[in-house]
Amino acid sequence: MKAMNEGLLRGLIAAATAAVLTAAPCSRAAAAADVVARAGATEITREELRAYVESLGAQEQAALAKDPALLAQVARTYLARRAVLKEARLRKWDEDPAVKAQLDRIRDQALTELYLQSVSKPPEGYPSAAEVQAAYDANKKAFDVPKQYRLAQIFIAARDEKDADRARKRVDEVVRKLKPKAADFGEVARAESDEKEAAARGGEIGWLTESQIVPGIRSAVAGLSPGAVSDPIHLDDGWHIVKVLDTRAPSTRPLSEVREALSAQLRGERARANRQAYLSKLVDQNPPAINELALSNLLSRPQ
């Protein structure tokens, strides 16, 4: 798991500290000691919270980056987990032989993974600017962006035979309303479209690449200029009347736009290669001897 950028993480924690302190009040002395939250006698510091955030999954970290206010909820969750840990230790749960064996396995797995990450980590200077440029040039097609359409639509639902006549009459009425040169497509969409979420935006459904547009609509809008409205398009779910608000010609994303993601990809690939090379070296140095007969009975259950 890729750790959150240190600068971003520090910014998130600093930005949300006030909210956390409001949710779990601390004394001025505790705040001065870098405590950001407290529940009873349990306290957490900035460094503890930072370490906990770094242990979260990529999806959770992305949500925090988008909305730093969520950090207050993360602090509450961490405090709850600390309370559970305290309770488990008071009950000496970790001294139970079965639990201790499981904890030892988890610790060994974590230690193995952390060590593998350390020996697999690419050098700090990798990739260089030249290496990023070379990777970009060699994979330029991967950064191609096809033609895009900014579309709005009026949708009239007709999912079965009973709806067919009613829907056709509504479509004819919509076409009549759109016929005048001064007709406002957005206003008609707000009043008539059955797709209410888009209707609230005047029918707008945003930017779509050609491949994201269903074939029946794609062929209808392909020849339209910005501002043009299609004839009614009949699909399985009903009728679609589509307006092309704008278009973008096919393009290639510039290196400046993809540099960070490409660098991260190259570092990830190098780390995986280093990891595999290290494991292969260990296997070569310590050739495994497998008892195939014993292994074949490993999963057998006693009768």
Protein backbone atom coordinates (compact mmCIF):
# COMPACT_ATOMS: atom_id res chain seq x y z
CA MET A 1 0.00 0.00 0.00
CA LYS A 2 1.37 3.34 -0.97
CA ALA A 3 1.62 5.66 2.03
CA MET A 4 -0.06 9.06 1.89
CA ASN A 5 2.26 11.89 0.88
CA GLU A 6 3.88 13.15 4.10
CA GLY A 7 3.22 16.81 3.36
CA LEU A 8 -0.43 16.15 2.54
CA LEU A 9 -0.83 14.01 5.63
CA ARG A 10 0.61 16.71 7.89
CA GLY A 11 -1.72 19.24 6.28
CA LEU A 12 -4.76 17.01 6.82
CA ILE A 13 -3.96 16.44 10.47
CA ALA A 14 -3.27 20.12 11.11
CA ALA A 15 -6.47 21.16 9.33
CA ALA A 16 -8.66 18.72 11.26
CA THR A 17 -7.10 19.08 14.72
CA ALA A 18 -9.53 21.80 15.73
CA ALA A 19 -12.51 19.63 14.80
CA VAL A 20 -11.07 16.67 16.69
CA LEU A 21 -10.45 18.75 19.79
CA THR A 22 -14.02 20.04 19.64
CA ALA A 23 -15.34 16.47 19.42
CA ALA A 24 -13.16 15.29 22.34
CA PRO A 25 -12.22 18.32 24.49
CA CYS A 26 -8.73 18.39 25.99
CA SER A 27 -7.10 20.78 28.41
CA ARG A 28 -4.72 23.48 27.22
CA ALA A 29 -1.86 21.54 28.79
CA ALA A 30 -2.81 18.40 26.87
CA ALA A 31 -3.06 20.36 23.64
CA ALA A 32 0.38 21.78 24.25
CA ALA A 33 1.66 18.23 24.71
CA ASP A 34 0.47 17.45 21.15
CA VAL A 35 -2.60 15.44 22.22
CA VAL A 36 -5.30 15.76 19.56
CA ALA A 37 -8.06 13.64 21.10
CA ARG A 38 -9.02 12.00 24.39
CA ALA A 39 -11.65 9.55 25.63
CA GLY A 40 -11.49 9.05 29.39
CA ALA A 41 -7.89 8.31 30.25
CA THR A 42 -7.02 7.37 26.66
CA GLU A 43 -5.19 10.02 24.64
CA ILE A 44 -3.84 10.09 21.10
CA THR A 45 -1.10 12.36 19.74
CA ARG A 46 -0.53 13.75 16.29
CA GLU A 47 2.14 11.14 15.61
CA GLU A 48 -0.11 8.25 16.68
CA LEU A 49 -2.93 9.55 14.50
CA ARG A 50 -0.56 10.04 11.57
CA ALA A 51 0.70 6.46 11.90
CA TYR A 52 -2.88 5.16 12.07
CA VAL A 53 -3.88 7.10 8.93
CA GLU A 54 -0.87 5.66 7.09
CA SER A 55 -2.10 2.15 7.98
CA LEU A 56 -5.47 2.74 6.29
CA GLY A 57 -6.30 1.49 2.81
CA ALA A 58 -5.74 3.59 -0.30
CA GLN A 59 -9.48 4.20 -0.72
CA GLU A 60 -9.83 5.54 2.83
CA GLN A 61 -6.77 7.75 2.42
CA ALA A 62 -8.18 9.15 -0.83
CA ALA A 63 -11.44 9.99 0.98
CA LEU A 64 -9.45 11.84 3.66
CA ALA A 65 -7.52 13.76 1.01
CA LYS A 66 -10.81 14.84 -0.54
CA ASP A 67 -12.48 15.77 2.76
CA PRO A 68 -10.05 16.44 5.66
CA ALA A 69 -13.03 16.96 8.00
CA LEU A 70 -13.40 13.15 8.01
CA LEU A 71 -10.26 13.00 10.14
CA ALA A 72 -12.39 13.74 13.24
CA GLN A 73 -14.29 10.50 12.59
CA VAL A 74 -11.00 8.65 12.06
CA ALA A 75 -9.83 9.92 15.46
CA ARG A 76 -13.03 8.66 17.10
CA THR A 77 -12.57 5.25 15.46
CA TYR A 78 -8.96 5.07 16.62
CA LEU A 79 -9.97 5.99 20.18
CA ALA A 80 -12.58 3.20 20.10
CA ARG A 81 -9.94 0.70 18.94
CA ARG A 82 -7.62 1.83 21.72
CA ALA A 83 -10.44 1.27 24.23
CA VAL A 84 -10.91 -2.28 22.89
CA LEU A 85 -7.16 -2.91 23.18
CA LYS A 86 -7.15 -1.66 26.77
CA GLU A 87 -10.06 -3.97 27.64
CA ALA A 88 -8.35 -6.96 25.99
CA ARG A 89 -5.16 -6.36 27.98
CA LEU A 90 -7.05 -5.93 31.25
CA ARG A 91 -8.66 -9.32 30.65
CA LYS A 92 -5.23 -10.75 29.69
CA TRP A 93 -6.70 -11.94 26.40
CA ASP A 94 -3.26 -11.92 24.79
CA GLU A 95 -2.05 -14.52 27.30
CA ASP A 96 -4.47 -17.19 26.08
CA PRO A 97 -2.31 -19.83 24.28
CA ALA A 98 -4.48 -19.92 21.13
CA VAL A 99 -4.59 -16.13 20.93
CA LYS A 100 -0.84 -15.87 21.59
CA ALA A 101 -0.12 -18.33 18.76
CA GLN A 102 -2.29 -16.32 16.39
CA LEU A 103 -0.64 -13.06 17.45
CA ASP A 104 2.79 -14.59 16.84
CA ARG A 105 1.73 -15.59 13.30
CA ILE A 106 0.35 -12.11 12.60
CA ARG A 107 3.51 -10.50 13.97
CA ASP A 108 5.73 -12.75 11.84
CA GLN A 109 3.68 -11.99 8.73
CA ALA A 110 3.80 -8.23 9.41
CA LEU A 111 7.55 -8.33 10.10
CA THR A 112 8.15 -10.31 6.90
CA GLU A 113 6.11 -7.87 4.82
CA LEU A 114 7.74 -4.77 6.34
CA TYR A 115 11.21 -6.20 5.75
CA LEU A 116 10.37 -7.15 2.17
CA GLN A 117 9.13 -3.61 1.57
CA SER A 118 12.38 -2.20 2.95
CA VAL A 119 14.67 -4.36 0.78
CA SER A 120 12.49 -3.85 -2.31
CA LYS A 121 12.22 -0.06 -2.09
CA PRO A 122 13.70 1.67 -5.17
CA PRO A 123 16.43 4.30 -4.66
CA GLU A 124 15.17 7.77 -3.71
CA GLY A 125 16.20 9.21 -7.09
CA TYR A 126 14.25 6.67 -9.11
CA PRO A 127 12.85 7.31 -11.61
CA SER A 128 14.94 10.15 -13.00
CA ALA A 129 13.43 12.78 -15.27
CA ALA A 130 15.02 11.01 -18.25
CA GLU A 131 13.53 7.65 -17.22
CA VAL A 132 10.07 9.17 -16.85
CA GLN A 133 10.39 10.80 -20.27
CA ALA A 134 11.51 7.52 -21.84
CA ALA A 135 8.57 5.65 -20.29
CA TYR A 136 6.17 8.34 -21.50
CA ASP A 137 7.56 8.23 -25.05
CA ALA A 138 7.42 4.42 -25.14
CA ASN A 139 3.81 4.28 -23.94
CA LYS A 140 2.34 7.41 -25.48
CA LYS A 141 -0.71 5.60 -26.81
CA ALA A 142 -1.72 4.78 -23.22
CA PHE A 143 -2.21 8.50 -22.67
CA ASP A 144 -4.39 9.08 -25.73
CA VAL A 145 -7.78 10.61 -24.95
CA PRO A 146 -10.46 9.88 -27.59
CA LYS A 147 -12.95 12.46 -28.81
CA GLN A 148 -15.21 13.67 -26.01
CA TYR A 149 -18.75 14.99 -26.01
CA ARG A 150 -20.43 17.17 -23.42
CA LEU A 151 -24.05 16.06 -23.64
CA ALA A 152 -27.47 16.88 -22.28
CA GLN A 153 -30.55 14.75 -22.81
CA ILE A 154 -34.27 14.56 -22.36
CA PHE A 155 -35.27 11.01 -21.45
CA ILE A 156 -38.79 9.64 -21.82
CA ALA A 157 -39.13 6.22 -20.20
CA ALA A 158 -40.95 3.44 -22.08
CA ARG A 159 -40.03 0.04 -20.69
CA ASP A 160 -42.99 -2.01 -21.88
CA GLU A 161 -45.80 -2.15 -24.44
CA LYS A 162 -48.24 -0.33 -22.15
CA ASP A 163 -45.92 2.71 -22.03
CA ALA A 164 -45.28 2.83 -25.77
CA ASP A 165 -48.21 5.00 -26.93
CA ARG A 166 -48.03 7.36 -23.95
CA ALA A 167 -44.26 7.75 -24.38
CA ARG A 168 -44.56 8.41 -28.13
CA LYS A 169 -47.09 11.18 -27.49
CA ARG A 170 -44.78 12.74 -24.89
CA VAL A 171 -41.85 12.58 -27.30
CA ASP A 172 -43.89 14.35 -29.99
CA GLU A 173 -44.79 17.04 -27.47
CA VAL A 174 -41.14 17.51 -26.48
CA VAL A 175 -40.10 17.78 -30.13
CA ARG A 176 -42.81 20.42 -30.65
CA LYS A 177 -41.48 22.42 -27.68
CA LEU A 178 -37.91 22.24 -28.99
CA LYS A 179 -38.79 23.33 -32.54
CA PRO A 180 -38.73 27.14 -32.07
CA LYS A 181 -35.29 28.70 -32.51
CA ALA A 182 -35.59 30.35 -29.10
CA ALA A 183 -36.44 27.06 -27.36
CA ASP A 184 -34.47 26.43 -24.14
CA PHE A 185 -33.37 22.79 -24.10
CA GLY A 186 -32.52 22.98 -20.40
CA GLU A 187 -35.94 24.27 -19.41
CA VAL A 188 -37.69 21.58 -21.44
CA ALA A 189 -35.44 18.93 -19.87
CA ARG A 190 -36.25 20.16 -16.38
CA ALA A 191 -39.97 19.95 -17.12
CA GLU A 192 -40.15 16.77 -19.19
CA SER A 193 -37.19 14.42 -18.61
CA ASP A 194 -37.78 11.26 -16.58
CA GLU A 195 -34.12 11.15 -15.53
CA LYS A 196 -34.63 13.51 -12.60
CA GLU A 197 -31.04 13.92 -11.45
CA ALA A 198 -29.88 15.11 -14.88
CA ALA A 199 -33.14 17.02 -15.39
CA ALA A 200 -32.29 19.20 -12.39
CA ARG A 201 -29.14 20.23 -14.30
CA GLY A 202 -31.08 21.04 -17.45
CA GLY A 203 -30.53 17.51 -18.75
CA GLU A 204 -26.74 17.75 -18.63
CA ILE A 205 -24.92 14.43 -18.19
CA GLY A 206 -21.38 15.83 -18.52
CA TRP A 207 -18.33 14.88 -20.58
CA LEU A 208 -18.21 11.40 -22.11
CA THR A 209 -15.70 9.73 -24.40
CA GLU A 210 -17.00 8.00 -27.50
CA SER A 211 -16.57 4.58 -25.86
CA GLN A 212 -18.69 5.66 -22.88
CA ILE A 213 -21.70 6.54 -25.03
CA VAL A 214 -24.09 3.68 -25.82
CA PRO A 215 -23.91 2.72 -29.52
CA GLY A 216 -27.42 3.90 -30.42
CA ILE A 217 -26.73 7.39 -29.10
CA ARG A 218 -23.09 7.46 -30.22
CA SER A 219 -24.02 7.05 -33.89
CA ALA A 220 -26.68 9.76 -33.57
CA VAL A 221 -24.40 12.40 -32.02
CA ALA A 222 -21.27 11.59 -34.06
CA GLY A 223 -22.27 13.95 -36.85
CA LEU A 224 -23.73 16.74 -34.68
CA SER A 225 -22.02 20.07 -34.09
CA PRO A 226 -22.05 21.82 -30.70
CA GLY A 227 -25.51 23.25 -30.08
CA ALA A 228 -27.29 20.71 -32.30
CA VAL A 229 -30.08 18.45 -31.03
CA SER A 230 -30.63 14.89 -32.22
CA ASP A 231 -33.85 13.37 -33.48
CA PRO A 232 -35.57 11.15 -30.90
CA ILE A 233 -33.52 7.95 -30.37
CA HIS A 234 -35.46 4.83 -29.40
CA LEU A 235 -33.59 2.40 -27.11
CA ASP A 236 -34.74 -0.46 -24.92
CA ASP A 237 -35.37 1.79 -21.92
CA GLY A 238 -37.25 4.51 -23.79
CA TRP A 239 -36.61 7.63 -25.88
CA HIS A 240 -33.56 9.90 -25.76
CA ILE A 241 -33.33 13.36 -27.26
CA VAL A 242 -29.71 14.48 -27.01
CA LYS A 243 -28.08 17.88 -27.32
CA VAL A 244 -24.35 18.27 -27.99
CA LEU A 245 -23.22 21.09 -25.71
CA ASP A 246 -19.54 20.93 -26.66
CA THR A 247 -16.86 18.60 -28.06
CA ARG A 248 -13.16 17.99 -27.52
CA ALA A 249 -10.97 16.65 -30.30
CA PRO A 250 -8.86 13.51 -29.66
CA SER A 251 -5.67 14.39 -27.78
CA THR A 252 -2.73 12.99 -25.85
CA ARG A 253 -2.32 13.92 -22.20
CA PRO A 254 0.95 15.86 -21.79
CA LEU A 255 3.79 14.53 -19.65
CA SER A 256 3.30 17.37 -17.16
CA GLU A 257 -0.20 16.05 -16.46
CA VAL A 258 0.76 12.40 -15.96
CA ARG A 259 4.28 12.73 -14.55
CA GLU A 260 3.36 12.03 -10.92
CA ALA A 261 1.21 8.99 -11.70
CA LEU A 262 3.77 7.64 -14.16
CA SER A 263 6.58 8.05 -11.61
CA ALA A 264 4.52 6.19 -9.00
CA GLN A 265 3.82 3.41 -11.51
CA LEU A 266 7.52 3.05 -12.34
CA ARG A 267 8.46 2.95 -8.66
CA GLY A 268 5.82 0.29 -8.04
CA GLU A 269 7.08 -1.82 -10.93
CA ARG A 270 10.68 -1.50 -9.74
CA ALA A 271 9.67 -2.42 -6.18
CA ARG A 272 7.87 -5.56 -7.42
CA ALA A 273 10.88 -6.53 -9.54
CA ASN A 274 13.25 -5.98 -6.59
CA ARG A 275 10.99 -8.03 -4.36
CA GLN A 276 10.90 -10.96 -6.80
CA ALA A 277 14.67 -10.82 -7.32
CA TYR A 278 15.27 -10.84 -3.56
CA LEU A 279 12.94 -13.81 -3.02
CA SER A 280 14.53 -15.71 -5.91
CA LYS A 281 17.99 -15.09 -4.42
CA LEU A 282 16.90 -16.47 -1.05
CA VAL A 283 15.40 -19.56 -2.70
CA ASP A 284 18.64 -20.14 -4.64
CA GLN A 285 20.65 -19.81 -1.42
CA ASN A 286 18.27 -22.08 0.49
CA PRO A 287 16.83 -24.65 -1.96
CA PRO A 288 13.53 -26.00 -0.61
CA ALA A 289 12.99 -29.73 -0.01
CA ILE A 290 9.31 -30.69 -0.19
CA ASN A 291 7.85 -33.92 1.25
CA GLU A 292 5.21 -34.42 -1.43
CA LEU A 293 3.61 -37.39 0.34
CA ALA A 294 3.10 -35.49 3.58
CA LEU A 295 1.92 -32.46 1.64
CA SER A 296 -0.75 -34.49 -0.18
CA ASN A 297 -2.34 -35.41 3.15
CA LEU A 298 -2.13 -31.93 4.64
CA LEU A 299 -5.74 -30.97 4.01
CA SER A 300 -7.22 -34.39 4.68
CA ARG A 301 -9.60 -34.52 7.65
CA PRO A 302 -9.39 -37.48 10.03
CA GLN A 303 -12.26 -39.94 9.56
